[in-house]
């Protein structure tokens, strides 16, 4: 499933940490927006990691789940536009 993770983090230090956690799992498509192709277990682990970084009284996390059909209907326009692609294999 394609997960879109969006955040608004007040503290620059926490902001960097949230971005680092997201970069481990997905592709940055906007400053505070990541696309992550993750199954339920990996997404739950990511969500847990993000919750450990933020301050709930000051920061906000949002995540949207798109099924394969919705993910294929994404649109992008403009310079340096990037859409992540689902990986069918990994090179280690």
N, C-alpha and C. Protein backbone atom coordinates (compact mmCIF):
# COMPACT_ATOMS: atom_id res chain seq x y z
N UNK A 1 0.84 -1.17 0.00
CA UNK A 1 0.00 0.00 0.00
C UNK A 1 0.89 1.25 0.00
N UNK A 2 0.41 2.26 -0.66
CA UNK A 2 1.12 3.54 -0.65
C UNK A 2 0.64 4.34 0.55
N UNK A 3 1.58 4.76 1.35
CA UNK A 3 1.27 5.59 2.53
C UNK A 3 1.83 6.98 2.26
N UNK A 4 1.02 7.98 2.46
CA UNK A 4 1.47 9.37 2.34
C UNK A 4 1.55 9.91 3.76
N UNK A 5 2.75 10.29 4.17
CA UNK A 5 2.99 10.79 5.52
C UNK A 5 3.27 12.29 5.42
N UNK A 6 2.52 13.04 6.22
CA UNK A 6 2.59 14.50 6.22
C UNK A 6 2.82 14.95 7.66
N UNK A 7 3.63 15.97 7.84
CA UNK A 7 3.89 16.42 9.21
C UNK A 7 4.08 17.92 9.28
N UNK A 8 3.82 18.44 10.47
CA UNK A 8 4.07 19.83 10.82
C UNK A 8 4.73 19.78 12.19
N UNK A 9 6.01 20.07 12.25
CA UNK A 9 6.78 19.93 13.48
C UNK A 9 7.35 21.29 13.86
N UNK A 10 7.13 21.70 15.10
CA UNK A 10 7.49 23.04 15.55
C UNK A 10 8.99 23.24 15.79
N UNK A 11 9.66 22.24 16.29
CA UNK A 11 11.07 22.36 16.68
C UNK A 11 11.98 21.89 15.54
N UNK A 12 12.96 22.71 15.13
CA UNK A 12 13.86 22.31 14.03
C UNK A 12 14.58 20.98 14.28
N UNK A 13 14.96 20.74 15.51
CA UNK A 13 15.65 19.48 15.83
C UNK A 13 14.73 18.28 15.62
N UNK A 14 13.49 18.37 16.12
CA UNK A 14 12.53 17.28 15.92
C UNK A 14 12.16 17.16 14.44
N UNK A 15 12.07 18.29 13.75
CA UNK A 15 11.75 18.30 12.33
C UNK A 15 12.78 17.47 11.55
N UNK A 16 14.06 17.68 11.84
CA UNK A 16 15.12 16.90 11.18
C UNK A 16 15.00 15.42 11.51
N UNK A 17 14.70 15.11 12.76
CA UNK A 17 14.60 13.71 13.17
C UNK A 17 13.42 13.02 12.49
N UNK A 18 12.29 13.72 12.37
CA UNK A 18 11.13 13.15 11.68
C UNK A 18 11.47 12.89 10.21
N UNK A 19 12.12 13.85 9.57
CA UNK A 19 12.51 13.68 8.17
C UNK A 19 13.46 12.50 8.01
N UNK A 20 14.41 12.33 8.91
CA UNK A 20 15.35 11.21 8.83
C UNK A 20 14.63 9.87 8.95
N UNK A 21 13.66 9.79 9.86
CA UNK A 21 12.89 8.55 10.01
C UNK A 21 12.12 8.27 8.72
N UNK A 22 11.51 9.29 8.15
CA UNK A 22 10.74 9.10 6.91
C UNK A 22 11.65 8.74 5.73
N UNK A 23 12.83 9.34 5.66
CA UNK A 23 13.75 9.05 4.56
C UNK A 23 14.19 7.59 4.56
N UNK A 24 14.20 6.96 5.73
CA UNK A 24 14.56 5.54 5.81
C UNK A 24 13.51 4.64 5.17
N UNK A 25 12.28 5.16 5.03
CA UNK A 25 11.17 4.33 4.56
C UNK A 25 10.52 4.78 3.27
N UNK A 26 10.81 6.01 2.83
CA UNK A 26 10.09 6.51 1.67
C UNK A 26 10.84 7.56 0.89
N UNK A 27 10.10 8.25 0.04
CA UNK A 27 10.65 9.27 -0.85
C UNK A 27 9.99 10.60 -0.52
N UNK A 28 10.81 11.62 -0.35
CA UNK A 28 10.28 12.97 -0.10
C UNK A 28 9.71 13.52 -1.41
N UNK A 29 8.45 13.94 -1.38
CA UNK A 29 7.82 14.53 -2.56
C UNK A 29 7.48 16.00 -2.36
N UNK A 30 7.52 16.46 -1.15
CA UNK A 30 7.39 17.87 -0.78
C UNK A 30 8.22 18.03 0.48
N UNK A 31 8.35 19.26 0.95
CA UNK A 31 9.20 19.51 2.11
C UNK A 31 8.83 18.64 3.32
N UNK A 32 7.54 18.53 3.61
CA UNK A 32 7.09 17.73 4.76
C UNK A 32 6.10 16.65 4.34
N UNK A 33 6.31 16.10 3.15
CA UNK A 33 5.43 15.05 2.62
C UNK A 33 6.28 13.92 2.05
N UNK A 34 6.00 12.70 2.49
CA UNK A 34 6.72 11.53 2.02
C UNK A 34 5.74 10.50 1.49
N UNK A 35 6.14 9.80 0.42
CA UNK A 35 5.42 8.65 -0.08
C UNK A 35 6.21 7.41 0.34
N UNK A 36 5.51 6.47 0.96
CA UNK A 36 6.16 5.25 1.45
C UNK A 36 5.34 4.04 1.00
N UNK A 37 5.96 3.10 0.29
CA UNK A 37 5.31 1.85 -0.10
C UNK A 37 5.59 0.84 1.01
N UNK A 38 4.61 0.66 1.90
CA UNK A 38 4.81 -0.19 3.07
C UNK A 38 3.61 -1.08 3.32
N UNK A 39 3.89 -2.30 3.77
CA UNK A 39 2.79 -3.16 4.22
C UNK A 39 2.38 -2.69 5.63
N UNK A 40 1.36 -3.30 6.15
CA UNK A 40 0.80 -2.84 7.44
C UNK A 40 1.81 -2.89 8.58
N UNK A 41 2.57 -3.97 8.66
CA UNK A 41 3.54 -4.11 9.76
C UNK A 41 4.65 -3.06 9.69
N UNK A 42 5.18 -2.85 8.50
CA UNK A 42 6.25 -1.85 8.34
C UNK A 42 5.72 -0.44 8.58
N UNK A 43 4.47 -0.19 8.14
CA UNK A 43 3.89 1.13 8.40
C UNK A 43 3.68 1.34 9.90
N UNK A 44 3.18 0.31 10.57
CA UNK A 44 2.99 0.43 12.03
C UNK A 44 4.32 0.74 12.73
N UNK A 45 5.40 0.11 12.29
CA UNK A 45 6.72 0.37 12.88
C UNK A 45 7.15 1.81 12.60
N UNK A 46 6.93 2.28 11.37
CA UNK A 46 7.26 3.67 11.03
C UNK A 46 6.45 4.64 11.89
N UNK A 47 5.16 4.40 11.99
CA UNK A 47 4.28 5.28 12.76
C UNK A 47 4.71 5.33 14.22
N UNK A 48 5.07 4.18 14.77
CA UNK A 48 5.55 4.13 16.15
C UNK A 48 6.84 4.94 16.30
N UNK A 49 7.76 4.79 15.36
CA UNK A 49 9.01 5.54 15.41
C UNK A 49 8.77 7.04 15.35
N UNK A 50 7.87 7.46 14.48
CA UNK A 50 7.55 8.89 14.36
C UNK A 50 6.93 9.43 15.64
N UNK A 51 6.07 8.65 16.26
CA UNK A 51 5.44 9.11 17.50
C UNK A 51 6.44 9.25 18.64
N UNK A 52 7.54 8.51 18.56
CA UNK A 52 8.58 8.63 19.58
C UNK A 52 9.37 9.93 19.42
N UNK A 53 9.35 10.52 18.23
CA UNK A 53 10.14 11.72 17.94
C UNK A 53 9.37 13.01 18.21
N UNK A 54 8.08 13.02 17.91
CA UNK A 54 7.33 14.27 17.99
C UNK A 54 6.93 14.62 19.43
N UNK A 55 6.54 15.85 19.61
CA UNK A 55 5.94 16.34 20.85
C UNK A 55 4.45 16.55 20.53
N UNK A 56 3.57 15.65 21.00
CA UNK A 56 2.16 15.70 20.60
C UNK A 56 1.46 17.02 20.90
N UNK A 57 1.91 17.75 21.89
CA UNK A 57 1.25 19.02 22.22
C UNK A 57 1.65 20.15 21.27
N UNK A 58 2.72 19.93 20.46
CA UNK A 58 3.20 20.98 19.56
C UNK A 58 3.23 20.56 18.09
N UNK A 59 3.33 19.27 17.82
CA UNK A 59 3.54 18.77 16.46
C UNK A 59 2.33 17.98 15.98
N UNK A 60 2.32 17.73 14.66
CA UNK A 60 1.20 16.99 14.09
C UNK A 60 1.71 16.05 13.00
N UNK A 61 1.21 14.81 13.04
CA UNK A 61 1.49 13.81 12.01
C UNK A 61 0.17 13.40 11.37
N UNK A 62 0.20 13.21 10.06
CA UNK A 62 -0.95 12.68 9.34
C UNK A 62 -0.45 11.60 8.40
N UNK A 63 -1.25 10.57 8.19
CA UNK A 63 -0.90 9.54 7.22
C UNK A 63 -2.15 9.13 6.48
N UNK A 64 -2.01 8.98 5.18
CA UNK A 64 -3.09 8.53 4.32
C UNK A 64 -2.65 7.24 3.65
N UNK A 65 -3.57 6.30 3.53
CA UNK A 65 -3.29 5.04 2.87
C UNK A 65 -4.04 5.01 1.55
N UNK A 66 -3.31 4.73 0.47
CA UNK A 66 -3.91 4.64 -0.86
C UNK A 66 -3.76 3.22 -1.38
N UNK A 67 -4.85 2.65 -1.86
CA UNK A 67 -4.74 1.34 -2.47
C UNK A 67 -4.08 1.47 -3.84
N UNK A 68 -3.81 0.35 -4.49
CA UNK A 68 -3.07 0.37 -5.76
C UNK A 68 -3.77 1.19 -6.82
N UNK A 69 -5.10 1.10 -6.89
CA UNK A 69 -5.84 1.86 -7.91
C UNK A 69 -5.72 3.36 -7.67
N UNK A 70 -5.87 3.78 -6.44
CA UNK A 70 -5.75 5.21 -6.13
C UNK A 70 -4.33 5.70 -6.35
N UNK A 71 -3.34 4.88 -6.02
CA UNK A 71 -1.94 5.27 -6.21
C UNK A 71 -1.63 5.49 -7.68
N UNK A 72 -2.20 4.68 -8.55
CA UNK A 72 -1.95 4.85 -9.99
C UNK A 72 -2.59 6.12 -10.54
N UNK A 73 -3.59 6.65 -9.86
CA UNK A 73 -4.28 7.87 -10.33
C UNK A 73 -3.62 9.15 -9.84
N UNK A 74 -2.50 9.06 -9.15
CA UNK A 74 -1.80 10.26 -8.71
C UNK A 74 -1.40 11.09 -9.92
N UNK A 75 -1.36 12.38 -9.75
CA UNK A 75 -0.90 13.31 -10.79
C UNK A 75 0.22 14.16 -10.24
N UNK A 76 1.09 14.57 -11.14
CA UNK A 76 2.19 15.43 -10.74
C UNK A 76 2.45 16.41 -11.88
N UNK A 77 2.83 17.62 -11.53
CA UNK A 77 3.14 18.64 -12.53
C UNK A 77 4.22 19.56 -11.97
N UNK A 78 4.93 20.20 -12.86
CA UNK A 78 5.93 21.17 -12.42
C UNK A 78 7.33 20.62 -12.47
N UNK A 79 8.26 21.51 -12.20
CA UNK A 79 9.67 21.13 -12.27
C UNK A 79 10.06 20.28 -11.08
N UNK A 80 11.01 19.44 -11.32
CA UNK A 80 11.58 18.58 -10.28
C UNK A 80 10.51 17.76 -9.57
N UNK A 81 9.44 17.44 -10.27
CA UNK A 81 8.37 16.64 -9.68
C UNK A 81 8.81 15.19 -9.59
N UNK A 82 8.49 14.59 -8.47
CA UNK A 82 8.87 13.20 -8.23
C UNK A 82 7.69 12.43 -7.70
N UNK A 83 7.49 11.26 -8.25
CA UNK A 83 6.55 10.31 -7.68
C UNK A 83 7.33 9.05 -7.36
N UNK A 84 7.12 8.52 -6.21
CA UNK A 84 7.81 7.28 -5.87
C UNK A 84 7.15 6.13 -6.62
N UNK A 85 7.89 5.10 -6.83
CA UNK A 85 7.38 3.91 -7.51
C UNK A 85 7.45 2.75 -6.55
N UNK A 86 6.44 1.88 -6.62
CA UNK A 86 6.46 0.68 -5.81
C UNK A 86 7.62 -0.19 -6.27
N UNK A 87 8.37 -0.69 -5.33
CA UNK A 87 9.51 -1.53 -5.65
C UNK A 87 9.07 -2.99 -5.65
N UNK A 88 9.39 -3.68 -6.70
CA UNK A 88 9.07 -5.10 -6.75
C UNK A 88 10.26 -5.95 -6.30
N UNK A 89 11.45 -5.34 -6.24
CA UNK A 89 12.63 -6.05 -5.77
C UNK A 89 13.59 -5.05 -5.14
N UNK A 90 14.46 -5.58 -4.32
CA UNK A 90 15.43 -4.75 -3.64
C UNK A 90 16.83 -5.29 -3.88
N UNK A 91 17.80 -4.42 -3.99
CA UNK A 91 19.19 -4.82 -4.14
C UNK A 91 19.88 -4.53 -2.82
N UNK A 92 20.52 -5.53 -2.29
CA UNK A 92 21.22 -5.36 -1.01
C UNK A 92 22.70 -5.41 -1.21
